[in-house]
Structures are given as structure tokens and as C-alpha cells.
Amino acid sequence: MDRAPVTLETLAVRMAAVEQAIQKNSEDHGKIYARLEHGEQGQAVIQTNLANITTVCNEIKADVKDIKDKPAKRYDGLVNAVLQWAVIALLSAKSFLG
């Protein structure tokens, strides 16, 4: 393998090419880091939104449970009222009949 002799001109050309490559790599790295930072910020927003959604879902779940339990509570109140009237009627009938 024969190599061309290294001259100052070829070294200068190679050095300029290396400096251009260094500059391009630095710019590319800057773009990559900017994209990573943007992705991290987006991820933080997503995490915040997910936490808010989870909180709202838990609140909805509690509200649904309360709503679901209300008819039972109304029914319990109705049963208590009927029983009270039945006891009163029974006591009244007993005292009336004597």
C-alpha cells in the first residue's frame, strides 16, 4: 500500500474537516438534548394529568358509592317509620281493647 505523503495542505484540509465534524456533532448533540428535555417536560405534564385523573376517578367512585347507598338508606327510613307506626298501632289497640 502506497500512501500519499502528508503535506501541510492535506493536514490543513483534514483538520478543517475534523473541525466541521466536531461543530456538526455539537449541534446534533444540542438538538438531541433539547428533544430529551422536551420529552421530560411532556412526561411531567402527563404524570400530573394522570394524577389528576386518578383523583377525579376516586372522587367519582366515592360519589357513586354514596348515590348507590342512598336508596338503601331511604328504604331503611321507610321500614323504621312503618315499624314505629305498627308498634304504636299495636300499643293503641292493646290499650283500647284493654
PDB file of N, CA and C in Angstrom:
ATOM      1  N   MET A   1       0.836  -1.175   0.000  1.00  0.00           N
ATOM      2  CA  MET A   1       0.000   0.000   0.000  1.00  0.00           C
ATOM      3  C   MET A   1       0.878   1.234   0.000  1.00  0.00           C
ATOM      4  N   ASP A   2       0.686   1.967  -1.013  1.00  0.00           N
ATOM      5  CA  ASP A   2       1.408   3.235  -1.092  1.00  0.00           C
ATOM      6  C   ASP A   2       0.519   4.340  -0.571  1.00  0.00           C
ATOM      7  N   ARG A   3       1.071   5.099   0.306  1.00  0.00           N
ATOM      8  CA  ARG A   3       0.334   6.237   0.851  1.00  0.00           C
ATOM      9  C   ARG A   3       0.930   7.505   0.291  1.00  0.00           C
ATOM     10  N   ALA A   4       0.018   8.445   0.089  1.00  0.00           N
ATOM     11  CA  ALA A   4       0.498   9.744  -0.392  1.00  0.00           C
ATOM     12  C   ALA A   4       1.204  10.431   0.761  1.00  0.00           C
ATOM     13  N   PRO A   5       2.206  11.153   0.448  1.00  0.00           N
ATOM     14  CA  PRO A   5       2.918  11.857   1.519  1.00  0.00           C
ATOM     15  C   PRO A   5       2.017  12.911   2.165  1.00  0.00           C
ATOM     16  N   VAL A   6       2.186  13.066   3.448  1.00  0.00           N
ATOM     17  CA  VAL A   6       1.401  14.037   4.207  1.00  0.00           C
ATOM     18  C   VAL A   6       2.070  15.390   4.057  1.00  0.00           C
ATOM     19  N   THR A   7       1.274  16.331   3.595  1.00  0.00           N
ATOM     20  CA  THR A   7       1.785  17.691   3.449  1.00  0.00           C
ATOM     21  C   THR A   7       0.998  18.611   4.371  1.00  0.00           C
ATOM     22  N   LEU A   8       1.438  19.801   4.497  1.00  0.00           N
ATOM     23  CA  LEU A   8       0.741  20.788   5.324  1.00  0.00           C
ATOM     24  C   LEU A   8      -0.648  21.080   4.761  1.00  0.00           C
ATOM     25  N   GLU A   9      -0.754  21.074   3.431  1.00  0.00           N
ATOM     26  CA  GLU A   9      -2.064  21.342   2.827  1.00  0.00           C
ATOM     27  C   GLU A   9      -3.051  20.218   3.156  1.00  0.00           C
ATOM     28  N   THR A  10      -2.619  18.949   3.038  1.00  0.00           N
ATOM     29  CA  THR A  10      -3.527  17.840   3.338  1.00  0.00           C
ATOM     30  C   THR A  10      -3.893  17.828   4.823  1.00  0.00           C
ATOM     31  N   LEU A  11      -2.929  18.151   5.676  1.00  0.00           N
ATOM     32  CA  LEU A  11      -3.220  18.236   7.107  1.00  0.00           C
ATOM     33  C   LEU A  11      -4.223  19.341   7.398  1.00  0.00           C
ATOM     34  N   ALA A  12      -4.086  20.464   6.720  1.00  0.00           N
ATOM     35  CA  ALA A  12      -4.998  21.593   6.915  1.00  0.00           C
ATOM     36  C   ALA A  12      -6.404  21.206   6.458  1.00  0.00           C
ATOM     37  N   VAL A  13      -6.504  20.498   5.318  1.00  0.00           N
ATOM     38  CA  VAL A  13      -7.805  20.067   4.809  1.00  0.00           C
ATOM     39  C   VAL A  13      -8.434  19.080   5.778  1.00  0.00           C
ATOM     40  N   ARG A  14      -7.659  18.109   6.249  1.00  0.00           N
ATOM     41  CA  ARG A  14      -8.164  17.119   7.195  1.00  0.00           C
ATOM     42  C   ARG A  14      -8.586  17.777   8.513  1.00  0.00           C
ATOM     43  N   MET A  15      -7.793  18.734   8.959  1.00  0.00           N
ATOM     44  CA  MET A  15      -8.095  19.448  10.204  1.00  0.00           C
ATOM     45  C   MET A  15      -9.389  20.244  10.068  1.00  0.00           C
ATOM     46  N   ALA A  16      -9.603  20.866   8.927  1.00  0.00           N
ATOM     47  CA  ALA A  16     -10.826  21.623   8.690  1.00  0.00           C
ATOM     48  C   ALA A  16     -12.024  20.669   8.678  1.00  0.00           C
ATOM     49  N   ALA A  17     -11.850  19.494   8.062  1.00  0.00           N
ATOM     50  CA  ALA A  17     -12.938  18.512   8.020  1.00  0.00           C
ATOM     51  C   ALA A  17     -13.267  18.021   9.430  1.00  0.00           C
ATOM     52  N   VAL A  18     -12.230  17.792  10.245  1.00  0.00           N
ATOM     53  CA  VAL A  18     -12.452  17.353  11.625  1.00  0.00           C
ATOM     54  C   VAL A  18     -13.164  18.447  12.416  1.00  0.00           C
ATOM     55  N   GLU A  19     -12.769  19.688  12.232  1.00  0.00           N
ATOM     56  CA  GLU A  19     -13.408  20.792  12.949  1.00  0.00           C
ATOM     57  C   GLU A  19     -14.871  20.944  12.529  1.00  0.00           C
ATOM     58  N   GLN A  20     -15.158  20.758  11.237  1.00  0.00           N
ATOM     59  CA  GLN A  20     -16.548  20.808  10.767  1.00  0.00           C
ATOM     60  C   GLN A  20     -17.355  19.662  11.380  1.00  0.00           C
ATOM     61  N   ALA A  21     -16.759  18.482  11.448  1.00  0.00           N
ATOM     62  CA  ALA A  21     -17.444  17.333  12.039  1.00  0.00           C
ATOM     63  C   ALA A  21     -17.721  17.578  13.521  1.00  0.00           C
ATOM     64  N   ILE A  22     -16.742  18.152  14.213  1.00  0.00           N
ATOM     65  CA  ILE A  22     -16.921  18.482  15.637  1.00  0.00           C
ATOM     66  C   ILE A  22     -18.064  19.473  15.805  1.00  0.00           C
ATOM     67  N   GLN A  23     -18.095  20.499  14.959  1.00  0.00           N
ATOM     68  CA  GLN A  23     -19.155  21.512  15.035  1.00  0.00           C
ATOM     69  C   GLN A  23     -20.526  20.882  14.765  1.00  0.00           C
ATOM     70  N   LYS A  24     -20.610  20.041  13.723  1.00  0.00           N
ATOM     71  CA  LYS A  24     -21.879  19.380  13.391  1.00  0.00           C
ATOM     72  C   LYS A  24     -22.311  18.451  14.509  1.00  0.00           C
ATOM     73  N   ASN A  25     -21.384  17.701  15.078  1.00  0.00           N
ATOM     74  CA  ASN A  25     -21.722  16.796  16.181  1.00  0.00           C
ATOM     75  C   ASN A  25     -22.220  17.573  17.395  1.00  0.00           C
ATOM     76  N   SER A  26     -21.590  18.707  17.673  1.00  0.00           N
ATOM     77  CA  SER A  26     -22.032  19.542  18.799  1.00  0.00           C
ATOM     78  C   SER A  26     -23.459  20.039  18.579  1.00  0.00           C
ATOM     79  N   GLU A  27     -23.753  20.476  17.356  1.00  0.00           N
ATOM     80  CA  GLU A  27     -25.104  20.937  17.043  1.00  0.00           C
ATOM     81  C   GLU A  27     -26.107  19.788  17.155  1.00  0.00           C
ATOM     82  N   ASP A  28     -25.727  18.621  16.633  1.00  0.00           N
ATOM     83  CA  ASP A  28     -26.613  17.455  16.716  1.00  0.00           C
ATOM     84  C   ASP A  28     -26.856  17.047  18.166  1.00  0.00           C
ATOM     85  N   HIS A  29     -25.814  17.073  18.984  1.00  0.00           N
ATOM     86  CA  HIS A  29     -25.973  16.747  20.399  1.00  0.00           C
ATOM     87  C   HIS A  29     -26.895  17.748  21.090  1.00  0.00           C
ATOM     88  N   GLY A  30     -26.749  19.008  20.737  1.00  0.00           N
ATOM     89  CA  GLY A  30     -27.628  20.033  21.299  1.00  0.00           C
ATOM     90  C   GLY A  30     -29.083  19.765  20.956  1.00  0.00           C
ATOM     91  N   LYS A  31     -29.327  19.370  19.687  1.00  0.00           N
ATOM     92  CA  LYS A  31     -30.698  19.051  19.275  1.00  0.00           C
ATOM     93  C   LYS A  31     -31.227  17.835  20.034  1.00  0.00           C
ATOM     94  N   ILE A  32     -30.383  16.837  20.197  1.00  0.00           N
ATOM     95  CA  ILE A  32     -30.798  15.636  20.915  1.00  0.00           C
ATOM     96  C   ILE A  32     -31.148  15.969  22.365  1.00  0.00           C
ATOM     97  N   TYR A  33     -30.299  16.746  23.023  1.00  0.00           N
ATOM     98  CA  TYR A  33     -30.566  17.116  24.416  1.00  0.00           C
ATOM     99  C   TYR A  33     -31.828  17.967  24.530  1.00  0.00           C
ATOM    100  N   ALA A  34     -32.063  18.833  23.534  1.00  0.00           N
ATOM    101  CA  ALA A  34     -33.289  19.649  23.544  1.00  0.00           C
ATOM    102  C   ALA A  34     -34.511  18.747  23.416  1.00  0.00           C
ATOM    103  N   ARG A  35     -34.425  17.733  22.548  1.00  0.00           N
ATOM    104  CA  ARG A  35     -35.539  16.797  22.403  1.00  0.00           C
ATOM    105  C   ARG A  35     -35.759  16.007  23.688  1.00  0.00           C
ATOM    106  N   LEU A  36     -34.684  15.581  24.324  1.00  0.00           N
ATOM    107  CA  LEU A  36     -34.812  14.847  25.588  1.00  0.00           C
ATOM    108  C   LEU A  36     -35.474  15.718  26.654  1.00  0.00           C
ATOM    109  N   GLU A  37     -35.037  16.966  26.727  1.00  0.00           N
ATOM    110  CA  GLU A  37     -35.616  17.884  27.717  1.00  0.00           C
ATOM    111  C   GLU A  37     -37.101  18.101  27.437  1.00  0.00           C
ATOM    112  N   HIS A  38     -37.438  18.266  26.165  1.00  0.00           N
ATOM    113  CA  HIS A  38     -38.837  18.447  25.784  1.00  0.00           C
ATOM    114  C   HIS A  38     -39.644  17.194  26.155  1.00  0.00           C
ATOM    115  N   GLY A  39     -39.061  16.031  25.927  1.00  0.00           N
ATOM    116  CA  GLY A  39     -39.727  14.774  26.289  1.00  0.00           C
ATOM    117  C   GLY A  39     -39.931  14.650  27.790  1.00  0.00           C
ATOM    118  N   GLU A  40     -38.940  15.068  28.566  1.00  0.00           N
ATOM    119  CA  GLU A  40     -39.061  15.023  30.024  1.00  0.00           C
ATOM    120  C   GLU A  40     -40.157  15.963  30.501  1.00  0.00           C
ATOM    121  N   GLN A  41     -40.233  17.142  29.895  1.00  0.00           N
ATOM    122  CA  GLN A  41     -41.284  18.087  30.269  1.00  0.00           C
ATOM    123  C   GLN A  41     -42.657  17.526  29.915  1.00  0.00           C
ATOM    124  N   GLY A  42     -42.754  16.905  28.751  1.00  0.00           N
ATOM    125  CA  GLY A  42     -44.005  16.287  28.357  1.00  0.00           C
ATOM    126  C   GLY A  42     -44.389  15.158  29.302  1.00  0.00           C
ATOM    127  N   GLN A  43     -43.407  14.387  29.712  1.00  0.00           N
ATOM    128  CA  GLN A  43     -43.657  13.281  30.644  1.00  0.00           C
ATOM    129  C   GLN A  43     -44.147  13.817  31.990  1.00  0.00           C
ATOM    130  N   ALA A  44     -43.582  14.929  32.437  1.00  0.00           N
ATOM    131  CA  ALA A  44     -44.022  15.527  33.705  1.00  0.00           C
ATOM    132  C   ALA A  44     -45.476  15.992  33.602  1.00  0.00           C
ATOM    133  N   VAL A  45     -45.838  16.567  32.463  1.00  0.00           N
ATOM    134  CA  VAL A  45     -47.228  17.007  32.254  1.00  0.00           C
ATOM    135  C   VAL A  45     -48.152  15.793  32.260  1.00  0.00           C
ATOM    136  N   ILE A  46     -47.735  14.725  31.596  1.00  0.00           N
ATOM    137  CA  ILE A  46     -48.546  13.506  31.554  1.00  0.00           C
ATOM    138  C   ILE A  46     -48.723  12.937  32.963  1.00  0.00           C
ATOM    139  N   GLN A  47     -47.650  12.913  33.756  1.00  0.00           N
ATOM    140  CA  GLN A  47     -47.739  12.396  35.131  1.00  0.00           C
ATOM    141  C   GLN A  47     -48.711  13.235  35.954  1.00  0.00           C
ATOM    142  N   THR A  48     -48.657  14.560  35.795  1.00  0.00           N
ATOM    143  CA  THR A  48     -49.567  15.444  36.523  1.00  0.00           C
ATOM    144  C   THR A  48     -51.012  15.187  36.104  1.00  0.00           C
ATOM    145  N   ASN A  49     -51.228  15.067  34.793  1.00  0.00           N
ATOM    146  CA  ASN A  49     -52.585  14.788  34.298  1.00  0.00           C
ATOM    147  C   ASN A  49     -53.088  13.441  34.802  1.00  0.00           C
ATOM    148  N   LEU A  50     -52.222  12.454  34.824  1.00  0.00           N
ATOM    149  CA  LEU A  50     -52.605  11.129  35.312  1.00  0.00           C
ATOM    150  C   LEU A  50     -52.978  11.185  36.792  1.00  0.00           C
ATOM    151  N   ALA A  51     -52.210  11.932  37.572  1.00  0.00           N
ATOM    152  CA  ALA A  51     -52.529  12.075  39.000  1.00  0.00           C
ATOM    153  C   ALA A  51     -53.883  12.769  39.171  1.00  0.00           C
ATOM    154  N   ASN A  52     -54.150  13.793  38.356  1.00  0.00           N
ATOM    155  CA  ASN A  52     -55.442  14.489  38.428  1.00  0.00           C
ATOM    156  C   ASN A  52     -56.586  13.560  38.033  1.00  0.00           C
ATOM    157  N   ILE A  53     -56.382  12.775  36.987  1.00  0.00           N
ATOM    158  CA  ILE A  53     -57.413  11.836  36.542  1.00  0.00           C
ATOM    159  C   ILE A  53     -57.688  10.801  37.631  1.00  0.00           C
ATOM    160  N   THR A  54     -56.632  10.304  38.258  1.00  0.00           N
ATOM    161  CA  THR A  54     -56.791   9.328  39.331  1.00  0.00           C
ATOM    162  C   THR A  54     -57.583   9.923  40.490  1.00  0.00           C
ATOM    163  N   THR A  55     -57.280  11.159  40.846  1.00  0.00           N
ATOM    164  CA  THR A  55     -58.007  11.829  41.928  1.00  0.00           C
ATOM    165  C   THR A  55     -59.483  11.979  41.581  1.00  0.00           C
ATOM    166  N   VAL A  56     -59.750  12.422  40.365  1.00  0.00           N
ATOM    167  CA  VAL A  56     -61.146  12.604  39.939  1.00  0.00           C
ATOM    168  C   VAL A  56     -61.873  11.258  39.918  1.00  0.00           C
ATOM    169  N   CYS A  57     -61.210  10.215  39.435  1.00  0.00           N
ATOM    170  CA  CYS A  57     -61.834   8.884  39.410  1.00  0.00           C
ATOM    171  C   CYS A  57     -62.163   8.403  40.821  1.00  0.00           C
ATOM    172  N   ASN A  58     -61.265   8.638  41.756  1.00  0.00           N
ATOM    173  CA  ASN A  58     -61.539   8.251  43.144  1.00  0.00           C
ATOM    174  C   ASN A  58     -62.718   9.027  43.715  1.00  0.00           C
ATOM    175  N   GLU A  59     -62.800  10.320  43.378  1.00  0.00           N
ATOM    176  CA  GLU A  59     -63.934  11.123  43.843  1.00  0.00           C
ATOM    177  C   GLU A  59     -65.238  10.609  43.228  1.00  0.00           C
ATOM    178  N   ILE A  60     -65.197  10.290  41.942  1.00  0.00           N
ATOM    179  CA  ILE A  60     -66.389   9.771  41.272  1.00  0.00           C
ATOM    180  C   ILE A  60     -66.800   8.440  41.892  1.00  0.00           C
ATOM    181  N   LYS A  61     -65.806   7.608  42.172  1.00  0.00           N
ATOM    182  CA  LYS A  61     -66.104   6.310  42.784  1.00  0.00           C
ATOM    183  C   LYS A  61     -66.802   6.504  44.137  1.00  0.00           C
ATOM    184  N   ALA A  62     -66.311   7.447  44.932  1.00  0.00           N
ATOM    185  CA  ALA A  62     -66.929   7.716  46.241  1.00  0.00           C
ATOM    186  C   ALA A  62     -68.346   8.262  46.067  1.00  0.00           C
ATOM    187  N   ASP A  63     -68.534   9.153  45.080  1.00  0.00           N
ATOM    188  CA  ASP A  63     -69.869   9.705  44.835  1.00  0.00           C
ATOM    189  C   ASP A  63     -70.845   8.619  44.387  1.00  0.00           C
ATOM    190  N   VAL A  64     -70.387   7.742  43.513  1.00  0.00           N
ATOM    191  CA  VAL A  64     -71.243   6.650  43.040  1.00  0.00           C
ATOM    192  C   VAL A  64     -71.632   5.741  44.210  1.00  0.00           C
ATOM    193  N   LYS A  65     -70.680   5.474  45.086  1.00  0.00           N
ATOM    194  CA  LYS A  65     -70.975   4.640  46.259  1.00  0.00           C
ATOM    195  C   LYS A  65     -72.021   5.313  47.140  1.00  0.00           C
ATOM    196  N   ASP A  66     -71.872   6.629  47.350  1.00  0.00           N
ATOM    197  CA  ASP A  66     -72.857   7.368  48.144  1.00  0.00           C
ATOM    198  C   ASP A  66     -74.236   7.316  47.497  1.00  0.00           C
ATOM    199  N   ILE A  67     -74.287   7.534  46.191  1.00  0.00           N
ATOM    200  CA  ILE A  67     -75.563   7.512  45.478  1.00  0.00           C
ATOM    201  C   ILE A  67     -76.177   6.119  45.540  1.00  0.00           C
ATOM    202  N   LYS A  68     -75.327   5.122  45.404  1.00  0.00           N
ATOM    203  CA  LYS A  68     -75.797   3.738  45.449  1.00  0.00           C
ATOM    204  C   LYS A  68     -76.358   3.392  46.825  1.00  0.00           C
ATOM    205  N   ASP A  69     -75.772   3.929  47.873  1.00  0.00           N
ATOM    206  CA  ASP A  69     -76.212   3.642  49.234  1.00  0.00           C
ATOM    207  C   ASP A  69     -77.457   4.433  49.638  1.00  0.00           C
ATOM    208  N   LYS A  70     -77.745   5.549  48.989  1.00  0.00           N
ATOM    209  CA  LYS A  70     -78.879   6.383  49.382  1.00  0.00           C
ATOM    210  C   LYS A  70     -80.222   5.667  49.281  1.00  0.00           C
ATOM    211  N   PRO A  71     -80.532   4.950  48.212  1.00  0.00           N
ATOM    212  CA  PRO A  71     -81.833   4.260  48.194  1.00  0.00           C
ATOM    213  C   PRO A  71     -81.976   3.287  49.351  1.00  0.00           C
ATOM    214  N   ALA A  72     -80.930   2.620  49.722  1.00  0.00           N
ATOM    215  CA  ALA A  72     -80.989   1.700  50.860  1.00  0.00           C
ATOM    216  C   ALA A  72     -81.282   2.480  52.141  1.00  0.00           C
ATOM    217  N   LYS A  73     -80.680   3.639  52.277  1.00  0.00           N
ATOM    218  CA  LYS A  73     -80.934   4.452  53.466  1.00  0.00           C
ATOM    219  C   LYS A  73     -82.385   4.926  53.490  1.00  0.00           C
ATOM    220  N   ARG A  74     -82.919   5.302  52.335  1.00  0.00           N
ATOM    221  CA  ARG A  74     -84.315   5.736  52.275  1.00  0.00           C
ATOM    222  C   ARG A  74     -85.239   4.574  52.634  1.00  0.00           C
ATOM    223  N   TYR A  75     -84.918   3.412  52.111  1.00  0.00           N
ATOM    224  CA  TYR A  75     -85.707   2.221  52.398  1.00  0.00           C
ATOM    225  C   TYR A  75     -85.651   1.909  53.890  1.00  0.00           C
ATOM    226  N   ASP A  76     -84.452   2.030  54.472  1.00  0.00           N
ATOM    227  CA  ASP A  76     -84.312   1.791  55.917  1.00  0.00           C
ATOM    228  C   ASP A  76     -85.178   2.765  56.707  1.00  0.00           C
ATOM    229  N   GLY A  77     -85.207   4.011  56.308  1.00  0.00           N
ATOM    230  CA  GLY A  77     -86.035   5.008  56.977  1.00  0.00           C
ATOM    231  C   GLY A  77     -87.506   4.683  56.868  1.00  0.00           C
ATOM    232  N   LEU A  78     -87.910   4.221  55.684  1.00  0.00           N
ATOM    233  CA  LEU A  78     -89.299   3.844  55.470  1.00  0.00           C
ATOM    234  C   LEU A  78     -89.685   2.655  56.340  1.00  0.00           C
ATOM    235  N   VAL A  79     -88.813   1.663  56.405  1.00  0.00           N
ATOM    236  CA  VAL A  79     -89.064   0.489  57.241  1.00  0.00           C
ATOM    237  C   VAL A  79     -89.162   0.903  58.699  1.00  0.00           C
ATOM    238  N   ASN A  80     -88.274   1.771  59.162  1.00  0.00           N
ATOM    239  CA  ASN A  80     -88.324   2.250  60.551  1.00  0.00           C
ATOM    240  C   ASN A  80     -89.639   2.964  60.834  1.00  0.00           C
ATOM    241  N   ALA A  81     -90.096   3.804  59.918  1.00  0.00           N
ATOM    242  CA  ALA A  81     -91.353   4.527  60.118  1.00  0.00           C
ATOM    243  C   ALA A  81     -92.528   3.550  60.178  1.00  0.00           C
ATOM    244  N   VAL A  82     -92.560   2.576  59.275  1.00  0.00           N
ATOM    245  CA  VAL A  82     -93.642   1.594  59.275  1.00  0.00           C
ATOM    246  C   VAL A  82     -93.640   0.800  60.568  1.00  0.00           C
ATOM    247  N   LEU A  83     -92.457   0.386  61.019  1.00  0.00           N
ATOM    248  CA  LEU A  83     -92.364  -0.368  62.276  1.00  0.00           C
ATOM    249  C   LEU A  83     -92.823   0.474  63.457  1.00  0.00           C
ATOM    250  N   GLN A  84     -92.445   1.739  63.476  1.00  0.00           N
ATOM    251  CA  GLN A  84     -92.863   2.611  64.572  1.00  0.00           C
ATOM    252  C   GLN A  84     -94.391   2.741  64.593  1.00  0.00           C
ATOM    253  N   TRP A  85     -94.991   2.943  63.440  1.00  0.00           N
ATOM    254  CA  TRP A  85     -96.449   3.066  63.364  1.00  0.00           C
ATOM    255  C   TRP A  85     -97.115   1.751  63.747  1.00  0.00           C
ATOM    256  N   ALA A  86     -96.495   0.642  63.349  1.00  0.00           N
ATOM    257  CA  ALA A  86     -97.065  -0.661  63.708  1.00  0.00           C
ATOM    258  C   ALA A  86     -97.037  -0.856  65.219  1.00  0.00           C
ATOM    259  N   VAL A  87     -95.923  -0.481  65.846  1.00  0.00           N
ATOM    260  CA  VAL A  87     -95.808  -0.607  67.305  1.00  0.00           C
ATOM    261  C   VAL A  87     -96.814   0.314  67.977  1.00  0.00           C
ATOM    262  N   ILE A  88     -96.941   1.523  67.498  1.00  0.00           N
ATOM    263  CA  ILE A  88     -97.900   2.471  68.072  1.00  0.00           C
ATOM    264  C   ILE A  88     -99.338   1.938  67.919  1.00  0.00           C
ATOM    265  N   ALA A  89     -99.607   1.409  66.723  1.00  0.00           N
ATOM    266  CA  ALA A  89    -100.952   0.872  66.462  1.00  0.00           C
ATOM    267  C   ALA A  89    -101.223  -0.318  67.389  1.00  0.00           C
ATOM    268  N   LEU A  90    -100.219  -1.173  67.572  1.00  0.00           N
ATOM    269  CA  LEU A  90    -100.376  -2.338  68.415  1.00  0.00           C
ATOM    270  C   LEU A  90    -100.608  -1.916  69.860  1.00  0.00           C
ATOM    271  N   LEU A  91     -99.804  -0.953  70.330  1.00  0.00           N
ATOM    272  CA  LEU A  91     -99.966  -0.468  71.716  1.00  0.00           C
ATOM    273  C   LEU A  91    -101.318   0.215  71.882  1.00  0.00           C
ATOM    274  N   SER A  92    -101.735   0.952  70.889  1.00  0.00           N
ATOM    275  CA  SER A  92    -103.038   1.631  70.958  1.00  0.00           C
ATOM    276  C   SER A  92    -104.157   0.601  70.975  1.00  0.00           C
ATOM    277  N   ALA A  93    -104.052  -0.400  70.137  1.00  0.00           N
ATOM    278  CA  ALA A  93    -105.082  -1.445  70.078  1.00  0.00           C
ATOM    279  C   ALA A  93    -105.118  -2.208  71.395  1.00  0.00           C
ATOM    280  N   LYS A  94    -103.954  -2.479  71.964  1.00  0.00           N
ATOM    281  CA  LYS A  94    -103.882  -3.218  73.225  1.00  0.00           C
ATOM    282  C   LYS A  94    -104.512  -2.397  74.346  1.00  0.00           C
ATOM    283  N   SER A  95    -104.192  -1.103  74.388  1.00  0.00           N
ATOM    284  CA  SER A  95    -104.759  -0.253  75.455  1.00  0.00           C
ATOM    285  C   SER A  95    -106.254  -0.001  75.196  1.00  0.00           C
ATOM    286  N   PHE A  96    -106.660   0.047  73.942  1.00  0.00           N
ATOM    287  CA  PHE A  96    -108.067   0.242  73.626  1.00  0.00           C
ATOM    288  C   PHE A  96    -108.886  -0.981  73.966  1.00  0.00           C
ATOM    289  N   LEU A  97    -108.323  -2.157  73.627  1.00  0.00           N
ATOM    290  CA  LEU A  97    -109.019  -3.400  73.896  1.00  0.00           C
ATOM    291  C   LEU A  97    -108.872  -3.810  75.350  1.00  0.00           C
ATOM    292  N   GLY A  98    -107.880  -3.315  75.913  1.00  0.00           N
ATOM    293  CA  GLY A  98    -107.686  -3.427  77.236  1.00  0.00           C
ATOM    294  C   GLY A  98    -107.347  -4.301  78.215  1.00  0.00           C
TER     295      GLY A  98
END
